[in-house]
Amino acid sequence: MLPANTARRLRTTAPLLRGLRFVSHDSPAYNEPSGYLFGEKPPPPGKKRVKEGWENIWYIGMFGSMTFGAVMYYYKPGSSIQTWALEEAKQRMEARGEAYKYEPKSS
């Protein structure tokens, strides 16, 4: 059996705990679909859409990093086994005094 003090404490706090939700938050807010892209109404005719402050930074960062990545990929050093074997073969042939390129002898 539980001591009387503990049982009394559980009886008084149990109804309070039923209504509480621990380690959770309110349910997510539901936005009713409006039919507009991203829920943003188009501007009236003759007016331009006003950009938010973060949009230009996002465009520059996103497309700038994609361009940087493409340039780095284009100029990356060859790291395949074929590239290494070709360089090794060139060095060994030059050390033996052989020509790397095939040049047919004219007769």
Protein backbone atom coordinates (compact mmCIF):
# COMPACT_ATOMS: atom_id res chain seq x y z
CA MET A 1 0.00 0.00 0.00
CA LEU A 2 0.99 3.56 -0.57
CA PRO A 3 1.50 5.79 2.43
CA ALA A 4 -1.53 7.99 3.19
CA ASN A 5 0.36 11.15 2.35
CA THR A 6 1.30 9.93 -1.16
CA ALA A 7 -2.19 8.59 -1.89
CA ARG A 8 -3.76 11.90 -0.85
CA ARG A 9 -1.32 13.83 -3.05
CA LEU A 10 -2.12 11.62 -6.07
CA ARG A 11 -5.88 12.03 -5.53
CA THR A 12 -5.60 15.82 -5.52
CA THR A 13 -3.22 16.17 -8.50
CA ALA A 14 -4.65 13.45 -10.78
CA PRO A 15 -7.61 15.53 -12.04
CA LEU A 16 -5.25 18.40 -12.81
CA LEU A 17 -2.89 16.19 -14.82
CA ARG A 18 -5.63 14.80 -17.06
CA GLY A 19 -6.08 18.12 -18.86
CA LEU A 20 -2.36 18.77 -19.37
CA ARG A 21 -0.36 17.53 -22.34
CA PHE A 22 3.30 17.03 -21.57
CA VAL A 23 6.14 17.33 -24.13
CA SER A 24 3.81 18.50 -26.85
CA HIS A 25 2.54 21.70 -28.33
CA ASP A 26 -0.73 22.95 -29.68
CA SER A 27 -1.95 21.35 -32.84
CA PRO A 28 -0.60 23.00 -36.01
CA ALA A 29 -2.64 25.83 -37.41
CA TYR A 30 -4.57 24.88 -40.52
CA ASN A 31 -4.59 27.37 -43.34
CA GLU A 32 -7.60 26.98 -45.53
CA PRO A 33 -6.56 26.55 -49.20
CA SER A 34 -7.07 29.78 -51.11
CA GLY A 35 -6.25 28.57 -54.61
CA TYR A 36 -3.34 31.01 -54.94
CA LEU A 37 0.30 29.95 -55.24
CA PHE A 38 1.81 29.99 -51.73
CA GLY A 39 -1.41 31.63 -50.51
CA GLU A 40 -0.33 34.96 -51.99
CA LYS A 41 -2.92 36.94 -53.93
CA PRO A 42 -1.73 38.32 -57.26
CA PRO A 43 -1.26 42.09 -57.40
CA PRO A 44 -3.88 44.19 -59.17
CA PRO A 45 -3.28 44.85 -62.88
CA GLY A 46 -0.58 47.45 -63.51
CA LYS A 47 1.20 46.88 -60.19
CA LYS A 48 4.28 44.77 -59.55
CA ARG A 49 4.71 42.31 -56.73
CA VAL A 50 6.76 43.73 -53.87
CA LYS A 51 9.64 41.44 -52.89
CA GLU A 52 10.36 40.69 -49.29
CA GLY A 53 13.75 41.60 -47.85
CA TRP A 54 15.17 38.07 -47.75
CA GLU A 55 14.33 37.10 -51.34
CA ASN A 56 17.30 38.75 -53.09
CA ILE A 57 19.72 37.30 -50.54
CA TRP A 58 18.22 33.84 -51.13
CA TYR A 59 18.50 34.14 -54.92
CA ILE A 60 22.11 35.32 -54.76
CA GLY A 61 23.08 32.64 -52.25
CA MET A 62 21.26 29.78 -53.95
CA PHE A 63 22.23 30.42 -57.56
CA GLY A 64 25.68 31.74 -56.64
CA SER A 65 26.49 28.55 -54.77
CA MET A 66 25.14 26.43 -57.65
CA THR A 67 27.35 28.32 -60.11
CA PHE A 68 30.36 27.98 -57.81
CA GLY A 69 29.71 24.26 -57.47
CA ALA A 70 29.41 23.82 -61.24
CA VAL A 71 32.71 25.66 -61.84
CA MET A 72 34.46 23.61 -59.16
CA TYR A 73 33.08 20.38 -60.63
CA TYR A 74 34.23 21.37 -64.12
CA TYR A 75 37.80 22.13 -62.97
CA LYS A 76 38.17 19.31 -60.42
CA PRO A 77 41.32 17.23 -60.71
CA GLY A 78 41.05 13.75 -62.18
CA SER A 79 40.90 11.22 -59.38
CA SER A 80 39.95 8.07 -61.26
CA ILE A 81 42.16 5.00 -61.52
CA GLN A 82 42.47 5.54 -65.30
CA THR A 83 43.92 9.03 -64.81
CA TRP A 84 46.43 7.74 -62.29
CA ALA A 85 47.41 4.79 -64.53
CA LEU A 86 47.92 7.07 -67.55
CA GLU A 87 50.19 9.40 -65.58
CA GLU A 88 52.13 6.44 -64.17
CA ALA A 89 52.54 4.91 -67.65
CA LYS A 90 53.80 8.25 -69.02
CA GLN A 91 56.39 8.54 -66.25
CA ARG A 92 57.63 4.96 -66.70
CA MET A 93 57.85 5.28 -70.50
CA GLU A 94 59.76 8.56 -70.21
CA ALA A 95 62.12 6.97 -67.67
CA ARG A 96 62.87 4.16 -70.16
CA GLY A 97 63.35 6.67 -72.97
CA GLU A 98 60.30 5.60 -74.98
CA ALA A 99 57.97 8.04 -76.67
CA TYR A 100 54.53 8.31 -75.14
CA LYS A 101 52.73 9.28 -78.36
CA TYR A 102 52.66 6.84 -81.24
CA GLU A 103 54.33 8.30 -84.29
CA PRO A 104 54.38 6.09 -87.36
CA LYS A 105 57.69 5.89 -89.16
CA SER A 106 57.52 7.16 -92.71
CA SER A 107 59.17 4.86 -95.20
